[in-house]
Amino acid sequence: MSERRYFWLKLKEDFFESKRIKKLRKMAGGDTLTIIYLKMQLKSIKTDGVLTYTGLESSFAEELALDLDESPDDVLLLLNYLSATGLIETSDNINFFLPYALQSIGSESASAERVRNHREKQKSLHCNADVTEVKRIGNVDIEKDIEKDIEKEDILSDKLDSAVKEIIFYLNEKTGKAFKTTTKTTKEVISARLREKFSVDDFKRVIDIKVAQWGKDPKMQEYLRPQTLFGTKMESYLQSQTKQETQIKTTVTDEEWEKYCKEHGWND
């Protein structure tokens, strides 16, 4: 069972100093558009900056307006501006990526929250004058052991999340797809291979190999997905070679043949 995580959006100190945001605010209804942009970022907080059009409404703008409780006209105007300034990207008009939102998203596991709560409780216990010195020392030792276990668990969870993000971002870049890093099955299959001592570079190598082999085959493109690439056959994929690496030159130009004949004394 995966651990619950908490997410937040960190507004950068220079957010309102950005020329694109300044220009946005100077547009008619600019302050409203800026708020909508921030609401879009919040909406994408658990999906790594990606907003997905489900087809519920006749257009992405109308569906997003419904989701955010905003005017469709305002949302459409904002989307056109964000697209023109590189603040939103899409390759299929289904998945819409907010690149700067991804940089502002923060998260922590439930265990990290427990560490903070535990420390606050510890401070409270230290301030309690009725606790005897012996009991206090015993409590501190127990608390330190608990805290170490929780922090170790949190470090491992954070390392896995970091590896998953790097691998899936690379896969999306190479395939033009939009796989999510929060999907349970994706995290499980990557975690299983990492426990088998495969490195992040190994995952990238498999992606490169299979994209070269399957990328131009419509029937095979659907298998460029985490469950297939990073499953139990990953090692065999890693050992395979791309067609480009095994190409053999089969033709010889007239100039090359003439040079070969000269070198072997076949000119007469």
C-alpha atoms as a PDB file:
ATOM      1  CA  MET A   1       0.000   0.000   0.000  1.00  0.00           C
ATOM      2  CA  SER A   2       1.565   3.286  -1.101  1.00  0.00           C
ATOM      3  CA  GLU A   3       2.059   5.999   1.488  1.00  0.00           C
ATOM      4  CA  ARG A   4      -0.110   9.084   1.422  1.00  0.00           C
ATOM      5  CA  ARG A   5       1.636  12.230   0.199  1.00  0.00           C
ATOM      6  CA  TYR A   6       0.813  15.879   0.705  1.00  0.00           C
ATOM      7  CA  PHE A   7       1.308  18.445  -2.067  1.00  0.00           C
ATOM      8  CA  TRP A   8       1.644  22.223  -2.216  1.00  0.00           C
ATOM      9  CA  LEU A   9       2.393  24.933  -4.752  1.00  0.00           C
ATOM     10  CA  LYS A  10       5.403  27.131  -3.998  1.00  0.00           C
ATOM     11  CA  LEU A  11       4.954  30.578  -5.512  1.00  0.00           C
ATOM     12  CA  LYS A  12       8.417  31.744  -6.546  1.00  0.00           C
ATOM     13  CA  GLU A  13       9.647  35.038  -5.136  1.00  0.00           C
ATOM     14  CA  ASP A  14       9.993  36.573  -8.603  1.00  0.00           C
ATOM     15  CA  PHE A  15       6.668  35.230  -9.960  1.00  0.00           C
ATOM     16  CA  PHE A  16       5.146  38.698 -10.406  1.00  0.00           C
ATOM     17  CA  GLU A  17       8.464  40.031 -11.764  1.00  0.00           C
ATOM     18  CA  SER A  18       8.271  37.754 -14.802  1.00  0.00           C
ATOM     19  CA  LYS A  19       7.677  39.737 -18.004  1.00  0.00           C
ATOM     20  CA  ARG A  20       5.106  37.191 -19.154  1.00  0.00           C
ATOM     21  CA  ILE A  21       3.134  37.576 -15.913  1.00  0.00           C
ATOM     22  CA  LYS A  22       3.440  41.377 -16.056  1.00  0.00           C
ATOM     23  CA  LYS A  23       2.081  41.357 -19.614  1.00  0.00           C
ATOM     24  CA  LEU A  24      -0.708  38.994 -18.575  1.00  0.00           C
ATOM     25  CA  ARG A  25      -1.786  41.304 -15.751  1.00  0.00           C
ATOM     26  CA  LYS A  26      -1.883  44.308 -18.089  1.00  0.00           C
ATOM     27  CA  MET A  27      -4.378  42.589 -20.385  1.00  0.00           C
ATOM     28  CA  ALA A  28      -8.089  43.328 -20.023  1.00  0.00           C
ATOM     29  CA  GLY A  29      -9.142  41.385 -16.932  1.00  0.00           C
ATOM     30  CA  GLY A  30      -5.489  40.508 -16.346  1.00  0.00           C
ATOM     31  CA  ASP A  31      -5.751  40.005 -12.599  1.00  0.00           C
ATOM     32  CA  THR A  32      -8.604  37.545 -13.112  1.00  0.00           C
ATOM     33  CA  LEU A  33      -6.582  35.703 -15.761  1.00  0.00           C
ATOM     34  CA  THR A  34      -3.611  35.502 -13.387  1.00  0.00           C
ATOM     35  CA  ILE A  35      -5.797  33.952 -10.695  1.00  0.00           C
ATOM     36  CA  ILE A  36      -7.112  31.423 -13.215  1.00  0.00           C
ATOM     37  CA  TYR A  37      -3.523  30.559 -14.182  1.00  0.00           C
ATOM     38  CA  LEU A  38      -2.693  29.911 -10.522  1.00  0.00           C
ATOM     39  CA  LYS A  39      -5.830  27.779 -10.150  1.00  0.00           C
ATOM     40  CA  MET A  40      -4.711  25.750 -13.173  1.00  0.00           C
ATOM     41  CA  GLN A  41      -1.365  25.118 -11.478  1.00  0.00           C
ATOM     42  CA  LEU A  42      -3.103  24.012  -8.298  1.00  0.00           C
ATOM     43  CA  LYS A  43      -5.336  21.713 -10.350  1.00  0.00           C
ATOM     44  CA  SER A  44      -2.252  20.024 -11.834  1.00  0.00           C
ATOM     45  CA  ILE A  45      -0.460  19.642  -8.515  1.00  0.00           C
ATOM     46  CA  LYS A  46      -0.949  15.859  -8.212  1.00  0.00           C
ATOM     47  CA  THR A  47      -0.352  15.094 -11.900  1.00  0.00           C
ATOM     48  CA  ASP A  48       3.109  16.650 -12.317  1.00  0.00           C
ATOM     49  CA  GLY A  49       1.859  19.784 -14.047  1.00  0.00           C
ATOM     50  CA  VAL A  50      -0.424  17.995 -16.536  1.00  0.00           C
ATOM     51  CA  LEU A  51      -4.093  18.851 -17.165  1.00  0.00           C
ATOM     52  CA  THR A  52      -6.054  16.276 -19.172  1.00  0.00           C
ATOM     53  CA  TYR A  53      -9.025  16.923 -21.459  1.00  0.00           C
ATOM     54  CA  THR A  54     -11.592  14.144 -20.951  1.00  0.00           C
ATOM     55  CA  GLY A  55     -14.060  15.198 -23.647  1.00  0.00           C
ATOM     56  CA  LEU A  56     -16.837  16.031 -21.202  1.00  0.00           C
ATOM     57  CA  GLU A  57     -17.297  19.414 -22.867  1.00  0.00           C
ATOM     58  CA  SER A  58     -16.897  20.319 -26.539  1.00  0.00           C
ATOM     59  CA  SER A  59     -13.460  21.881 -25.939  1.00  0.00           C
ATOM     60  CA  PHE A  60     -10.658  21.842 -23.395  1.00  0.00           C
ATOM     61  CA  ALA A  61     -11.323  25.506 -22.586  1.00  0.00           C
ATOM     62  CA  GLU A  62     -14.975  24.831 -21.767  1.00  0.00           C
ATOM     63  CA  GLU A  63     -14.158  21.756 -19.705  1.00  0.00           C
ATOM     64  CA  LEU A  64     -11.446  23.611 -17.770  1.00  0.00           C
ATOM     65  CA  ALA A  65     -13.787  26.566 -17.172  1.00  0.00           C
ATOM     66  CA  LEU A  66     -16.362  24.157 -15.731  1.00  0.00           C
ATOM     67  CA  ASP A  67     -13.737  22.529 -13.526  1.00  0.00           C
ATOM     68  CA  LEU A  68     -12.394  25.850 -12.216  1.00  0.00           C
ATOM     69  CA  ASP A  69     -15.772  27.625 -11.979  1.00  0.00           C
ATOM     70  CA  GLU A  70     -14.574  30.358 -14.329  1.00  0.00           C
ATOM     71  CA  SER A  71     -15.864  32.025 -17.486  1.00  0.00           C
ATOM     72  CA  PRO A  72     -15.206  29.975 -20.655  1.00  0.00           C
ATOM     73  CA  ASP A  73     -14.280  33.163 -22.515  1.00  0.00           C
ATOM     74  CA  ASP A  74     -11.708  34.100 -19.872  1.00  0.00           C
ATOM     75  CA  VAL A  75     -10.257  30.591 -19.866  1.00  0.00           C
ATOM     76  CA  LEU A  76     -10.028  30.496 -23.672  1.00  0.00           C
ATOM     77  CA  LEU A  77      -8.296  33.902 -23.720  1.00  0.00           C
ATOM     78  CA  LEU A  78      -5.846  32.725 -21.072  1.00  0.00           C
ATOM     79  CA  LEU A  79      -5.096  29.440 -22.846  1.00  0.00           C
ATOM     80  CA  ASN A  80      -4.301  31.288 -26.075  1.00  0.00           C
ATOM     81  CA  TYR A  81      -1.926  33.588 -24.195  1.00  0.00           C
ATOM     82  CA  LEU A  82      -0.241  30.759 -22.288  1.00  0.00           C
ATOM     83  CA  SER A  83       0.240  28.794 -25.503  1.00  0.00           C
ATOM     84  CA  ALA A  84       1.735  31.796 -27.317  1.00  0.00           C
ATOM     85  CA  THR A  85       4.196  32.467 -24.473  1.00  0.00           C
ATOM     86  CA  GLY A  86       5.259  28.881 -23.787  1.00  0.00           C
ATOM     87  CA  LEU A  87       3.494  28.632 -20.419  1.00  0.00           C
ATOM     88  CA  ILE A  88       1.416  25.673 -21.586  1.00  0.00           C
ATOM     89  CA  GLU A  89       2.350  22.886 -24.032  1.00  0.00           C
ATOM     90  CA  THR A  90       0.498  20.054 -25.758  1.00  0.00           C
ATOM     91  CA  SER A  91       1.293  17.599 -28.527  1.00  0.00           C
ATOM     92  CA  ASP A  92      -2.095  15.889 -28.774  1.00  0.00           C
ATOM     93  CA  ASN A  93      -4.677  18.452 -27.520  1.00  0.00           C
ATOM     94  CA  ILE A  94      -5.522  15.988 -24.746  1.00  0.00           C
ATOM     95  CA  ASN A  95      -2.707  16.348 -22.236  1.00  0.00           C
ATOM     96  CA  PHE A  96      -1.700  19.948 -21.477  1.00  0.00           C
ATOM     97  CA  PHE A  97       1.588  20.488 -19.641  1.00  0.00           C
ATOM     98  CA  LEU A  98       2.366  23.514 -17.441  1.00  0.00           C
ATOM     99  CA  PRO A  99       6.198  23.514 -17.333  1.00  0.00           C
ATOM    100  CA  TYR A 100       6.599  26.235 -14.709  1.00  0.00           C
ATOM    101  CA  ALA A 101       3.977  24.655 -12.472  1.00  0.00           C
ATOM    102  CA  LEU A 102       6.100  21.506 -12.274  1.00  0.00           C
ATOM    103  CA  GLN A 103       9.028  23.549 -10.971  1.00  0.00           C
ATOM    104  CA  SER A 104       6.833  24.988  -8.205  1.00  0.00           C
ATOM    105  CA  ILE A 105       5.229  21.778  -6.970  1.00  0.00           C
ATOM    106  CA  GLY A 106       6.404  20.469  -3.619  1.00  0.00           C
ATOM    107  CA  SER A 107       5.377  17.345  -1.736  1.00  0.00           C
ATOM    108  CA  GLU A 108       6.186  15.254   1.277  1.00  0.00           C
ATOM    109  CA  SER A 109       5.190  11.864   2.576  1.00  0.00           C
ATOM    110  CA  ALA A 110       2.996  11.268   5.570  1.00  0.00           C
ATOM    111  CA  SER A 111       6.067  10.009   7.443  1.00  0.00           C
ATOM    112  CA  ALA A 112       7.743  13.390   7.019  1.00  0.00           C
ATOM    113  CA  GLU A 113       4.697  15.025   8.544  1.00  0.00           C
ATOM    114  CA  ARG A 114       4.878  12.568  11.422  1.00  0.00           C
ATOM    115  CA  VAL A 115       8.507  13.580  12.013  1.00  0.00           C
ATOM    116  CA  ARG A 116       7.503  17.213  12.379  1.00  0.00           C
ATOM    117  CA  ASN A 117       4.601  16.371  14.674  1.00  0.00           C
ATOM    118  CA  HIS A 118       6.843  14.091  16.691  1.00  0.00           C
ATOM    119  CA  ARG A 119       9.443  16.825  17.145  1.00  0.00           C
ATOM    120  CA  GLU A 120       6.790  19.266  18.303  1.00  0.00           C
ATOM    121  CA  LYS A 121       5.548  16.721  20.805  1.00  0.00           C
ATOM    122  CA  GLN A 122       9.118  16.131  21.951  1.00  0.00           C
ATOM    123  CA  LYS A 123       9.635  19.828  22.574  1.00  0.00           C
ATOM    124  CA  SER A 124       6.420  19.906  24.559  1.00  0.00           C
ATOM    125  CA  LEU A 125       7.600  17.001  26.702  1.00  0.00           C
ATOM    126  CA  HIS A 126      10.900  18.753  27.381  1.00  0.00           C
ATOM    127  CA  CYS A 127       9.011  21.776  28.646  1.00  0.00           C
ATOM    128  CA  ASN A 128       6.954  19.727  31.079  1.00  0.00           C
ATOM    129  CA  ALA A 129       8.488  20.300  34.506  1.00  0.00           C
ATOM    130  CA  ASP A 130       6.619  17.340  36.032  1.00  0.00           C
ATOM    131  CA  VAL A 131       8.513  14.765  33.976  1.00  0.00           C
ATOM    132  CA  THR A 132      11.372  13.249  35.947  1.00  0.00           C
ATOM    133  CA  GLU A 133      14.909  13.299  34.534  1.00  0.00           C
ATOM    134  CA  VAL A 134      15.101   9.491  34.295  1.00  0.00           C
ATOM    135  CA  LYS A 135      11.792   9.223  32.472  1.00  0.00           C
ATOM    136  CA  ARG A 136      12.774  12.100  30.201  1.00  0.00           C
ATOM    137  CA  ILE A 137      16.029  10.405  29.178  1.00  0.00           C
ATOM    138  CA  GLY A 138      14.201   7.151  28.503  1.00  0.00           C
ATOM    139  CA  ASN A 139      11.583   8.919  26.401  1.00  0.00           C
ATOM    140  CA  VAL A 140      14.241  10.791  24.418  1.00  0.00           C
ATOM    141  CA  ASP A 141      16.054   7.557  23.541  1.00  0.00           C
ATOM    142  CA  ILE A 142      12.846   5.913  22.354  1.00  0.00           C
ATOM    143  CA  GLU A 143      11.848   9.015  20.433  1.00  0.00           C
ATOM    144  CA  LYS A 144      15.226   9.184  18.709  1.00  0.00           C
ATOM    145  CA  ASP A 145      14.897   5.570  17.545  1.00  0.00           C
ATOM    146  CA  ILE A 146      11.379   6.226  16.233  1.00  0.00           C
ATOM    147  CA  GLU A 147      12.505   9.387  14.488  1.00  0.00           C
ATOM    148  CA  LYS A 148      15.458   7.622  12.843  1.00  0.00           C
ATOM    149  CA  ASP A 149      13.173   4.874  11.502  1.00  0.00           C
ATOM    150  CA  ILE A 150      10.674   7.406  10.161  1.00  0.00           C
ATOM    151  CA  GLU A 151      13.360   9.555   8.542  1.00  0.00           C
ATOM    152  CA  LYS A 152      14.983   6.483   6.942  1.00  0.00           C
ATOM    153  CA  GLU A 153      11.601   5.452   5.528  1.00  0.00           C
ATOM    154  CA  ASP A 154      11.024   8.958   4.195  1.00  0.00           C
ATOM    155  CA  ILE A 155      14.471   9.160   2.553  1.00  0.00           C
ATOM    156  CA  LEU A 156      13.845   5.887   0.687  1.00  0.00           C
ATOM    157  CA  SER A 157      10.422   7.115  -0.424  1.00  0.00           C
ATOM    158  CA  ASP A 158      11.862  10.418  -1.672  1.00  0.00           C
ATOM    159  CA  LYS A 159      14.673   8.635  -3.570  1.00  0.00           C
ATOM    160  CA  LEU A 160      12.130   6.407  -5.312  1.00  0.00           C
ATOM    161  CA  ASP A 161       9.956   9.392  -6.248  1.00  0.00           C
ATOM    162  CA  SER A 162      12.991  11.202  -7.658  1.00  0.00           C
ATOM    163  CA  ALA A 163      14.035   8.184  -9.752  1.00  0.00           C
ATOM    164  CA  VAL A 164      10.487   7.634 -11.036  1.00  0.00           C
ATOM    165  CA  LYS A 165      10.201  11.266 -12.110  1.00  0.00           C
ATOM    166  CA  GLU A 166      13.541  11.237 -13.953  1.00  0.00           C
ATOM    167  CA  ILE A 167      12.710   7.980 -15.760  1.00  0.00           C
ATOM    168  CA  ILE A 168       9.135   8.888 -16.726  1.00  0.00           C
ATOM    169  CA  PHE A 169      10.071  12.411 -17.843  1.00  0.00           C
ATOM    170  CA  TYR A 170      12.726  10.835 -20.117  1.00  0.00           C
ATOM    171  CA  LEU A 171      10.202   8.311 -21.456  1.00  0.00           C
ATOM    172  CA  ASN A 172       7.663  11.064 -22.178  1.00  0.00           C
ATOM    173  CA  GLU A 173      10.332  13.150 -23.905  1.00  0.00           C
ATOM    174  CA  LYS A 174      11.406  10.278 -26.178  1.00  0.00           C
ATOM    175  CA  THR A 175       7.905   8.987 -27.002  1.00  0.00           C
ATOM    176  CA  GLY A 176       5.857  12.182 -27.000  1.00  0.00           C
ATOM    177  CA  LYS A 177       3.489  10.613 -24.475  1.00  0.00           C
ATOM    178  CA  ALA A 178       2.350  11.888 -21.087  1.00  0.00           C
ATOM    179  CA  PHE A 179       2.698   9.092 -18.544  1.00  0.00           C
ATOM    180  CA  LYS A 180       2.137  10.156 -14.942  1.00  0.00           C
ATOM    181  CA  THR A 181       4.754   9.617 -12.254  1.00  0.00           C
ATOM    182  CA  THR A 182       2.093   9.091  -9.592  1.00  0.00           C
ATOM    183  CA  THR A 183       0.490   5.985 -11.116  1.00  0.00           C
ATOM    184  CA  LYS A 184       0.706   3.090  -8.649  1.00  0.00           C
ATOM    185  CA  THR A 185       1.593   0.374 -11.201  1.00  0.00           C
ATOM    186  CA  THR A 186       4.305   2.581 -12.738  1.00  0.00           C
ATOM    187  CA  LYS A 187       5.952   3.189  -9.357  1.00  0.00           C
ATOM    188  CA  GLU A 188       5.725  -0.496  -8.472  1.00  0.00           C
ATOM    189  CA  VAL A 189       7.357  -1.784 -11.673  1.00  0.00           C
ATOM    190  CA  ILE A 190      10.191   0.785 -11.479  1.00  0.00           C
ATOM    191  CA  SER A 191      10.700   0.066  -7.774  1.00  0.00           C
ATOM    192  CA  ALA A 192      10.972  -3.664  -8.509  1.00  0.00           C
ATOM    193  CA  ARG A 193      13.762  -3.129 -11.048  1.00  0.00           C
ATOM    194  CA  LEU A 194      15.596  -0.665  -8.795  1.00  0.00           C
ATOM    195  CA  ARG A 195      15.619  -3.320  -6.059  1.00  0.00           C
ATOM    196  CA  GLU A 196      17.283  -5.623  -8.607  1.00  0.00           C
ATOM    197  CA  LYS A 197      20.112  -3.033  -8.829  1.00  0.00           C
ATOM    198  CA  PHE A 198      19.209  -1.555 -12.216  1.00  0.00           C
ATOM    199  CA  SER A 199      20.285   2.096 -12.437  1.00  0.00           C
ATOM    200  CA  VAL A 200      18.375   5.087 -13.792  1.00  0.00           C
ATOM    201  CA  ASP A 201      20.756   5.067 -16.768  1.00  0.00           C
ATOM    202  CA  ASP A 202      19.745   1.453 -17.451  1.00  0.00           C
ATOM    203  CA  PHE A 203      16.103   2.548 -17.704  1.00  0.00           C
ATOM    204  CA  LYS A 204      17.073   5.331 -20.135  1.00  0.00           C
ATOM    205  CA  ARG A 205      19.095   2.871 -22.225  1.00  0.00           C
ATOM    206  CA  VAL A 206      16.102   0.521 -22.522  1.00  0.00           C
ATOM    207  CA  ILE A 207      13.933   3.469 -23.576  1.00  0.00           C
ATOM    208  CA  ASP A 208      16.438   4.454 -26.287  1.00  0.00           C
ATOM    209  CA  ILE A 209      16.689   0.872 -27.579  1.00  0.00           C
ATOM    210  CA  LYS A 210      12.977   0.190 -27.780  1.00  0.00           C
ATOM    211  CA  VAL A 211      12.109   3.629 -29.205  1.00  0.00           C
ATOM    212  CA  ALA A 212      14.607   2.938 -32.004  1.00  0.00           C
ATOM    213  CA  GLN A 213      13.083  -0.509 -32.607  1.00  0.00           C
ATOM    214  CA  TRP A 214       9.378   0.202 -32.106  1.00  0.00           C
ATOM    215  CA  GLY A 215       9.008   3.945 -32.551  1.00  0.00           C
ATOM    216  CA  LYS A 216       8.092   3.839 -36.249  1.00  0.00           C
ATOM    217  CA  ASP A 217       5.845   0.767 -36.035  1.00  0.00           C
ATOM    218  CA  PRO A 218       2.224   1.811 -35.266  1.00  0.00           C
ATOM    219  CA  LYS A 219       1.451  -1.644 -33.865  1.00  0.00           C
ATOM    220  CA  MET A 220       4.430  -1.609 -31.509  1.00  0.00           C
ATOM    221  CA  GLN A 221       4.221   2.014 -30.377  1.00  0.00           C
ATOM    222  CA  GLU A 222       1.516   1.134 -27.845  1.00  0.00           C
ATOM    223  CA  TYR A 223       4.057  -1.055 -26.031  1.00  0.00           C
ATOM    224  CA  LEU A 224       6.327   1.937 -25.349  1.00  0.00           C
ATOM    225  CA  ARG A 225       4.919   2.087 -21.832  1.00  0.00           C
ATOM    226  CA  PRO A 226       6.360   1.534 -18.332  1.00  0.00           C
ATOM    227  CA  GLN A 227       4.675  -1.833 -17.714  1.00  0.00           C
ATOM    228  CA  THR A 228       6.204  -3.319 -20.889  1.00  0.00           C
ATOM    229  CA  LEU A 229       9.607  -1.612 -20.930  1.00  0.00           C
ATOM    230  CA  PHE A 230      10.395  -2.020 -17.240  1.00  0.00           C
ATOM    231  CA  GLY A 231       8.846  -5.416 -16.612  1.00  0.00           C
ATOM    232  CA  THR A 232      10.637  -8.740 -16.081  1.00  0.00           C
ATOM    233  CA  LYS A 233      12.057  -8.621 -19.635  1.00  0.00           C
ATOM    234  CA  MET A 234      13.957  -5.398 -18.988  1.00  0.00           C
ATOM    235  CA  GLU A 235      17.320  -7.166 -18.751  1.00  0.00           C
ATOM    236  CA  SER A 236      16.867  -8.843 -22.149  1.00  0.00           C
ATOM    237  CA  TYR A 237      15.849  -5.492 -23.630  1.00  0.00           C
ATOM    238  CA  LEU A 238      18.949  -3.930 -22.143  1.00  0.00           C
ATOM    239  CA  GLN A 239      21.178  -6.508 -23.833  1.00  0.00           C
ATOM    240  CA  SER A 240      19.627  -6.088 -27.277  1.00  0.00           C
ATOM    241  CA  GLN A 241      20.996  -3.825 -29.987  1.00  0.00           C
ATOM    242  CA  THR A 242      19.232  -1.340 -32.188  1.00  0.00           C
ATOM    243  CA  LYS A 243      19.049  -1.901 -35.916  1.00  0.00           C
ATOM    244  CA  GLN A 244      21.159   1.187 -36.383  1.00  0.00           C
ATOM    245  CA  GLU A 245      23.981  -0.474 -34.443  1.00  0.00           C
ATOM    246  CA  THR A 246      23.965  -3.600 -36.626  1.00  0.00           C
ATOM    247  CA  GLN A 247      23.666  -2.104 -40.074  1.00  0.00           C
ATOM    248  CA  ILE A 248      26.167  -3.515 -42.579  1.00  0.00           C
ATOM    249  CA  LYS A 249      27.294  -1.631 -45.624  1.00  0.00           C
ATOM    250  CA  THR A 250      26.317  -3.620 -48.730  1.00  0.00           C
ATOM    251  CA  THR A 251      27.081  -1.277 -51.640  1.00  0.00           C
ATOM    252  CA  VAL A 252      30.392  -0.041 -53.066  1.00  0.00           C
ATOM    253  CA  THR A 253      30.820   3.093 -55.190  1.00  0.00           C
ATOM    254  CA  ASP A 254      32.804   3.116 -58.457  1.00  0.00           C
ATOM    255  CA  GLU A 255      35.538   5.198 -56.818  1.00  0.00           C
ATOM    256  CA  GLU A 256      35.863   2.742 -53.929  1.00  0.00           C
ATOM    257  CA  TRP A 257      36.059  -0.219 -56.354  1.00  0.00           C
ATOM    258  CA  GLU A 258      38.729   1.514 -58.445  1.00  0.00           C
ATOM    259  CA  LYS A 259      40.776   2.277 -55.337  1.00  0.00           C
ATOM    260  CA  TYR A 260      40.456  -1.337 -54.196  1.00  0.00           C
ATOM    261  CA  CYS A 261      41.652  -2.615 -57.601  1.00  0.00           C
ATOM    262  CA  LYS A 262      44.706  -0.337 -57.526  1.00  0.00           C
ATOM    263  CA  GLU A 263      45.639  -1.499 -54.044  1.00  0.00           C
ATOM    264  CA  HIS A 264      45.550  -5.116 -55.211  1.00  0.00           C
ATOM    265  CA  GLY A 265      47.283  -4.563 -58.592  1.00  0.00           C
ATOM    266  CA  TRP A 266      44.230  -5.340 -60.679  1.00  0.00           C
ATOM    267  CA  ASN A 267      44.505  -2.344 -63.024  1.00  0.00           C
ATOM    268  CA  ASP A 268      45.951  -4.204 -66.002  1.00  0.00           C
END
